[in-house]
Amino acid sequence: MTRGNQRETDRLKAQKKAAANAKKPKESATTLAKRKEADAEALRAKQKKKDEERAAGSSSAGK
């Protein structure tokens, strides 16, 4: 159970946090979709590079 003014200080802290989050602009659906696509493309490129390194490494290891 909370003691003293802890409940009040926690409530004020939560209000400040909520006010700070309210000022931030929301991300639109189109921006979110673009960001997801860009992230996916970056991961595809990273995976392709890793596959190429793996293929180059296995071909040189066999010699």
PDB file of N, CA and C in Angstrom:
ATOM      1  N   MET A   1       0.838  -1.172   0.000  1.00  0.00           N
ATOM      2  CA  MET A   1       0.000   0.000   0.000  1.00  0.00           C
ATOM      3  C   MET A   1       0.889   1.242   0.000  1.00  0.00           C
ATOM      4  N   THR A   2       0.503   2.263  -0.755  1.00  0.00           N
ATOM      5  CA  THR A   2       1.335   3.456  -0.822  1.00  0.00           C
ATOM      6  C   THR A   2       1.227   4.270   0.452  1.00  0.00           C
ATOM      7  N   ARG A   3       2.308   4.958   0.758  1.00  0.00           N
ATOM      8  CA  ARG A   3       2.340   5.726   1.997  1.00  0.00           C
ATOM      9  C   ARG A   3       2.606   7.190   1.690  1.00  0.00           C
ATOM     10  N   GLY A   4       2.130   8.045   2.549  1.00  0.00           N
ATOM     11  CA  GLY A   4       2.397   9.467   2.429  1.00  0.00           C
ATOM     12  C   GLY A   4       1.861  10.031   1.132  1.00  0.00           C
ATOM     13  N   ASN A   5       2.670  10.852   0.489  1.00  0.00           N
ATOM     14  CA  ASN A   5       2.219  11.512  -0.732  1.00  0.00           C
ATOM     15  C   ASN A   5       2.702  10.781  -1.988  1.00  0.00           C
ATOM     16  N   GLN A   6       3.118   9.544  -1.850  1.00  0.00           N
ATOM     17  CA  GLN A   6       3.627   8.789  -2.996  1.00  0.00           C
ATOM     18  C   GLN A   6       2.581   8.681  -4.108  1.00  0.00           C
ATOM     19  N   ARG A   7       1.321   8.486  -3.728  1.00  0.00           N
ATOM     20  CA  ARG A   7       0.255   8.379  -4.716  1.00  0.00           C
ATOM     21  C   ARG A   7       0.127   9.672  -5.507  1.00  0.00           C
ATOM     22  N   GLU A   8       0.212  10.794  -4.817  1.00  0.00           N
ATOM     23  CA  GLU A   8       0.103  12.099  -5.484  1.00  0.00           C
ATOM     24  C   GLU A   8       1.284  12.352  -6.418  1.00  0.00           C
ATOM     25  N   THR A   9       2.478  12.033  -5.959  1.00  0.00           N
ATOM     26  CA  THR A   9       3.656  12.262  -6.815  1.00  0.00           C
ATOM     27  C   THR A   9       3.620  11.357  -8.039  1.00  0.00           C
ATOM     28  N   ASP A  10       3.185  10.129  -7.869  1.00  0.00           N
ATOM     29  CA  ASP A  10       3.068   9.216  -9.009  1.00  0.00           C
ATOM     30  C   ASP A  10       2.015   9.699  -9.997  1.00  0.00           C
ATOM     31  N   ARG A  11       0.916  10.240  -9.477  1.00  0.00           N
ATOM     32  CA  ARG A  11      -0.132  10.761 -10.349  1.00  0.00           C
ATOM     33  C   ARG A  11       0.375  11.958 -11.149  1.00  0.00           C
ATOM     34  N   LEU A  12       1.105  12.869 -10.503  1.00  0.00           N
ATOM     35  CA  LEU A  12       1.670  14.025 -11.207  1.00  0.00           C
ATOM     36  C   LEU A  12       2.688  13.590 -12.263  1.00  0.00           C
ATOM     37  N   LYS A  13       3.495  12.602 -11.919  1.00  0.00           N
ATOM     38  CA  LYS A  13       4.484  12.087 -12.859  1.00  0.00           C
ATOM     39  C   LYS A  13       3.794  11.481 -14.086  1.00  0.00           C
ATOM     40  N   ALA A  14       2.720  10.746 -13.858  1.00  0.00           N
ATOM     41  CA  ALA A  14       1.970  10.139 -14.961  1.00  0.00           C
ATOM     42  C   ALA A  14       1.317  11.206 -15.835  1.00  0.00           C
ATOM     43  N   GLN A  15       0.825  12.279 -15.222  1.00  0.00           N
ATOM     44  CA  GLN A  15       0.228  13.368 -15.996  1.00  0.00           C
ATOM     45  C   GLN A  15       1.265  14.046 -16.877  1.00  0.00           C
ATOM     46  N   LYS A  16       2.446  14.280 -16.343  1.00  0.00           N
ATOM     47  CA  LYS A  16       3.519  14.903 -17.129  1.00  0.00           C
ATOM     48  C   LYS A  16       3.900  14.017 -18.314  1.00  0.00           C
ATOM     49  N   LYS A  17       3.987  12.728 -18.051  1.00  0.00           N
ATOM     50  CA  LYS A  17       4.355  11.781 -19.109  1.00  0.00           C
ATOM     51  C   LYS A  17       3.287  11.740 -20.204  1.00  0.00           C
ATOM     52  N   ALA A  18       2.019  11.759 -19.807  1.00  0.00           N
ATOM     53  CA  ALA A  18       0.915  11.743 -20.767  1.00  0.00           C
ATOM     54  C   ALA A  18       0.905  13.031 -21.588  1.00  0.00           C
ATOM     55  N   ALA A  19       1.197  14.159 -20.950  1.00  0.00           N
ATOM     56  CA  ALA A  19       1.225  15.436 -21.663  1.00  0.00           C
ATOM     57  C   ALA A  19       2.373  15.467 -22.670  1.00  0.00           C
ATOM     58  N   ALA A  20       3.505  14.901 -22.310  1.00  0.00           N
ATOM     59  CA  ALA A  20       4.639  14.870 -23.224  1.00  0.00           C
ATOM     60  C   ALA A  20       4.333  13.989 -24.432  1.00  0.00           C
ATOM     61  N   ASN A  21       3.644  12.876 -24.214  1.00  0.00           N
ATOM     62  CA  ASN A  21       3.297  11.985 -25.311  1.00  0.00           C
ATOM     63  C   ASN A  21       2.220  12.586 -26.205  1.00  0.00           C
ATOM     64  N   ALA A  22       1.373  13.433 -25.665  1.00  0.00           N
ATOM     65  CA  ALA A  22       0.303  14.045 -26.449  1.00  0.00           C
ATOM     66  C   ALA A  22       0.860  15.053 -27.442  1.00  0.00           C
ATOM     67  N   LYS A  23       2.006  15.635 -27.143  1.00  0.00           N
ATOM     68  CA  LYS A  23       2.608  16.638 -28.022  1.00  0.00           C
ATOM     69  C   LYS A  23       3.260  16.018 -29.256  1.00  0.00           C
ATOM     70  N   LYS A  24       3.633  14.754 -29.155  1.00  0.00           N
ATOM     71  CA  LYS A  24       4.299  14.092 -30.275  1.00  0.00           C
ATOM     72  C   LYS A  24       3.296  13.841 -31.399  1.00  0.00           C
ATOM     73  N   PRO A  25       3.706  14.111 -32.640  1.00  0.00           N
ATOM     74  CA  PRO A  25       2.790  13.839 -33.754  1.00  0.00           C
ATOM     75  C   PRO A  25       2.638  12.333 -33.972  1.00  0.00           C
ATOM     76  N   LYS A  26       1.451  11.944 -34.329  1.00  0.00           N
ATOM     77  CA  LYS A  26       1.177  10.533 -34.603  1.00  0.00           C
ATOM     78  C   LYS A  26       1.716  10.181 -35.988  1.00  0.00           C
ATOM     79  N   GLU A  27       2.137   8.944 -36.147  1.00  0.00           N
ATOM     80  CA  GLU A  27       2.650   8.490 -37.426  1.00  0.00           C
ATOM     81  C   GLU A  27       1.481   8.021 -38.285  1.00  0.00           C
ATOM     82  N   SER A  28       1.405   8.526 -39.509  1.00  0.00           N
ATOM     83  CA  SER A  28       0.293   8.160 -40.380  1.00  0.00           C
ATOM     84  C   SER A  28       0.497   6.747 -40.928  1.00  0.00           C
ATOM     85  N   ALA A  29      -0.548   6.189 -41.460  1.00  0.00           N
ATOM     86  CA  ALA A  29      -0.496   4.825 -41.981  1.00  0.00           C
ATOM     87  C   ALA A  29       0.436   4.738 -43.193  1.00  0.00           C
ATOM     88  N   THR A  30       0.443   5.782 -44.039  1.00  0.00           N
ATOM     89  CA  THR A  30       1.320   5.735 -45.210  1.00  0.00           C
ATOM     90  C   THR A  30       2.782   5.807 -44.804  1.00  0.00           C
ATOM     91  N   THR A  31       3.095   6.626 -43.817  1.00  0.00           N
ATOM     92  CA  THR A  31       4.474   6.724 -43.349  1.00  0.00           C
ATOM     93  C   THR A  31       4.906   5.410 -42.724  1.00  0.00           C
ATOM     94  N   LEU A  32       4.008   4.812 -41.972  1.00  0.00           N
ATOM     95  CA  LEU A  32       4.307   3.539 -41.337  1.00  0.00           C
ATOM     96  C   LEU A  32       4.562   2.463 -42.390  1.00  0.00           C
ATOM     97  N   ALA A  33       3.744   2.427 -43.414  1.00  0.00           N
ATOM     98  CA  ALA A  33       3.914   1.433 -44.480  1.00  0.00           C
ATOM     99  C   ALA A  33       5.237   1.645 -45.212  1.00  0.00           C
ATOM    100  N   LYS A  34       5.573   2.903 -45.482  1.00  0.00           N
ATOM    101  CA  LYS A  34       6.844   3.196 -46.158  1.00  0.00           C
ATOM    102  C   LYS A  34       8.024   2.760 -45.301  1.00  0.00           C
ATOM    103  N   ARG A  35       7.937   3.029 -44.015  1.00  0.00           N
ATOM    104  CA  ARG A  35       9.029   2.657 -43.117  1.00  0.00           C
ATOM    105  C   ARG A  35       9.173   1.144 -43.034  1.00  0.00           C
ATOM    106  N   LYS A  36       8.039   0.435 -42.969  1.00  0.00           N
ATOM    107  CA  LYS A  36       8.091  -1.030 -42.919  1.00  0.00           C
ATOM    108  C   LYS A  36       8.726  -1.587 -44.188  1.00  0.00           C
ATOM    109  N   GLU A  37       8.356  -1.014 -45.335  1.00  0.00           N
ATOM    110  CA  GLU A  37       8.919  -1.478 -46.609  1.00  0.00           C
ATOM    111  C   GLU A  37      10.423  -1.203 -46.674  1.00  0.00           C
ATOM    112  N   ALA A  38      10.837  -0.038 -46.211  1.00  0.00           N
ATOM    113  CA  ALA A  38      12.259   0.300 -46.218  1.00  0.00           C
ATOM    114  C   ALA A  38      13.039  -0.633 -45.295  1.00  0.00           C
ATOM    115  N   ASP A  39      12.484  -0.941 -44.141  1.00  0.00           N
ATOM    116  CA  ASP A  39      13.127  -1.863 -43.212  1.00  0.00           C
ATOM    117  C   ASP A  39      13.234  -3.260 -43.822  1.00  0.00           C
ATOM    118  N   ALA A  40      12.172  -3.696 -44.470  1.00  0.00           N
ATOM    119  CA  ALA A  40      12.178  -5.017 -45.092  1.00  0.00           C
ATOM    120  C   ALA A  40      13.217  -5.081 -46.207  1.00  0.00           C
ATOM    121  N   GLU A  41      13.320  -4.020 -46.990  1.00  0.00           N
ATOM    122  CA  GLU A  41      14.308  -3.978 -48.076  1.00  0.00           C
ATOM    123  C   GLU A  41      15.725  -4.028 -47.516  1.00  0.00           C
ATOM    124  N   ALA A  42      15.963  -3.328 -46.435  1.00  0.00           N
ATOM    125  CA  ALA A  42      17.285  -3.338 -45.808  1.00  0.00           C
ATOM    126  C   ALA A  42      17.622  -4.742 -45.305  1.00  0.00           C
ATOM    127  N   LEU A  43      16.655  -5.418 -44.728  1.00  0.00           N
ATOM    128  CA  LEU A  43      16.899  -6.777 -44.247  1.00  0.00           C
ATOM    129  C   LEU A  43      17.142  -7.741 -45.400  1.00  0.00           C
ATOM    130  N   ARG A  44      16.410  -7.555 -46.512  1.00  0.00           N
ATOM    131  CA  ARG A  44      16.637  -8.404 -47.686  1.00  0.00           C
ATOM    132  C   ARG A  44      18.052  -8.219 -48.220  1.00  0.00           C
ATOM    133  N   ALA A  45      18.503  -6.967 -48.292  1.00  0.00           N
ATOM    134  CA  ALA A  45      19.852  -6.684 -48.791  1.00  0.00           C
ATOM    135  C   ALA A  45      20.901  -7.289 -47.864  1.00  0.00           C
ATOM    136  N   LYS A  46      20.676  -7.182 -46.587  1.00  0.00           N
ATOM    137  CA  LYS A  46      21.599  -7.737 -45.603  1.00  0.00           C
ATOM    138  C   LYS A  46      21.667  -9.257 -45.731  1.00  0.00           C
ATOM    139  N   GLN A  47      20.515  -9.898 -45.909  1.00  0.00           N
ATOM    140  CA  GLN A  47      20.472 -11.348 -46.052  1.00  0.00           C
ATOM    141  C   GLN A  47      21.161 -11.789 -47.334  1.00  0.00           C
ATOM    142  N   LYS A  48      20.945 -11.030 -48.419  1.00  0.00           N
ATOM    143  CA  LYS A  48      21.578 -11.360 -49.701  1.00  0.00           C
ATOM    144  C   LYS A  48      23.098 -11.289 -49.574  1.00  0.00           C
ATOM    145  N   LYS A  49      23.592 -10.255 -48.911  1.00  0.00           N
ATOM    146  CA  LYS A  49      25.031 -10.096 -48.723  1.00  0.00           C
ATOM    147  C   LYS A  49      25.583 -11.255 -47.908  1.00  0.00           C
ATOM    148  N   LYS A  50      24.865 -11.642 -46.861  1.00  0.00           N
ATOM    149  CA  LYS A  50      25.306 -12.737 -46.009  1.00  0.00           C
ATOM    150  C   LYS A  50      25.324 -14.058 -46.786  1.00  0.00           C
ATOM    151  N   ASP A  51      24.319 -14.275 -47.637  1.00  0.00           N
ATOM    152  CA  ASP A  51      24.282 -15.488 -48.458  1.00  0.00           C
ATOM    153  C   ASP A  51      25.449 -15.524 -49.429  1.00  0.00           C
ATOM    154  N   GLU A  52      25.761 -14.353 -50.028  1.00  0.00           N
ATOM    155  CA  GLU A  52      26.885 -14.293 -50.960  1.00  0.00           C
ATOM    156  C   GLU A  52      28.202 -14.579 -50.250  1.00  0.00           C
ATOM    157  N   GLU A  53      28.369 -14.042 -49.050  1.00  0.00           N
ATOM    158  CA  GLU A  53      29.592 -14.302 -48.287  1.00  0.00           C
ATOM    159  C   GLU A  53      29.694 -15.776 -47.922  1.00  0.00           C
ATOM    160  N   ARG A  54      28.572 -16.373 -47.572  1.00  0.00           N
ATOM    161  CA  ARG A  54      28.541 -17.773 -47.214  1.00  0.00           C
ATOM    162  C   ARG A  54      28.898 -18.633 -48.422  1.00  0.00           C
ATOM    163  N   ALA A  55      28.362 -18.264 -49.599  1.00  0.00           N
ATOM    164  CA  ALA A  55      28.642 -19.019 -50.817  1.00  0.00           C
ATOM    165  C   ALA A  55      30.117 -18.875 -51.200  1.00  0.00           C
ATOM    166  N   ALA A  56      30.662 -17.674 -51.065  1.00  0.00           N
ATOM    167  CA  ALA A  56      32.067 -17.455 -51.390  1.00  0.00           C
ATOM    168  C   ALA A  56      32.962 -18.180 -50.406  1.00  0.00           C
ATOM    169  N   GLY A  57      32.577 -18.211 -49.177  1.00  0.00           N
ATOM    170  CA  GLY A  57      33.358 -18.889 -48.153  1.00  0.00           C
ATOM    171  C   GLY A  57      33.361 -20.400 -48.326  1.00  0.00           C
ATOM    172  N   SER A  58      32.250 -20.969 -48.709  1.00  0.00           N
ATOM    173  CA  SER A  58      32.179 -22.424 -48.867  1.00  0.00           C
ATOM    174  C   SER A  58      32.910 -22.883 -50.127  1.00  0.00           C
ATOM    175  N   SER A  59      32.931 -22.050 -51.170  1.00  0.00           N
ATOM    176  CA  SER A  59      33.628 -22.445 -52.389  1.00  0.00           C
ATOM    177  C   SER A  59      35.137 -22.361 -52.197  1.00  0.00           C
ATOM    178  N   SER A  60      35.618 -21.400 -51.438  1.00  0.00           N
ATOM    179  CA  SER A  60      37.051 -21.298 -51.197  1.00  0.00           C
ATOM    180  C   SER A  60      37.517 -22.282 -50.143  1.00  0.00           C
ATOM    181  N   ALA A  61      36.648 -22.714 -49.258  1.00  0.00           N
ATOM    182  CA  ALA A  61      37.016 -23.675 -48.215  1.00  0.00           C
ATOM    183  C   ALA A  61      37.209 -25.066 -48.810  1.00  0.00           C
ATOM    184  N   GLY A  62      36.550 -25.343 -49.909  1.00  0.00           N
ATOM    185  CA  GLY A  62      36.647 -26.650 -50.522  1.00  0.00           C
ATOM    186  C   GLY A  62      37.958 -26.869 -51.256  1.00  0.00           C
ATOM    187  N   LYS A  63      38.698 -25.822 -51.556  1.00  0.00           N
ATOM    188  CA  LYS A  63      39.946 -25.948 -52.325  1.00  0.00           C
ATOM    189  C   LYS A  63      41.129 -26.241 -51.450  1.00  0.00           C
TER     190      LYS A  63
END
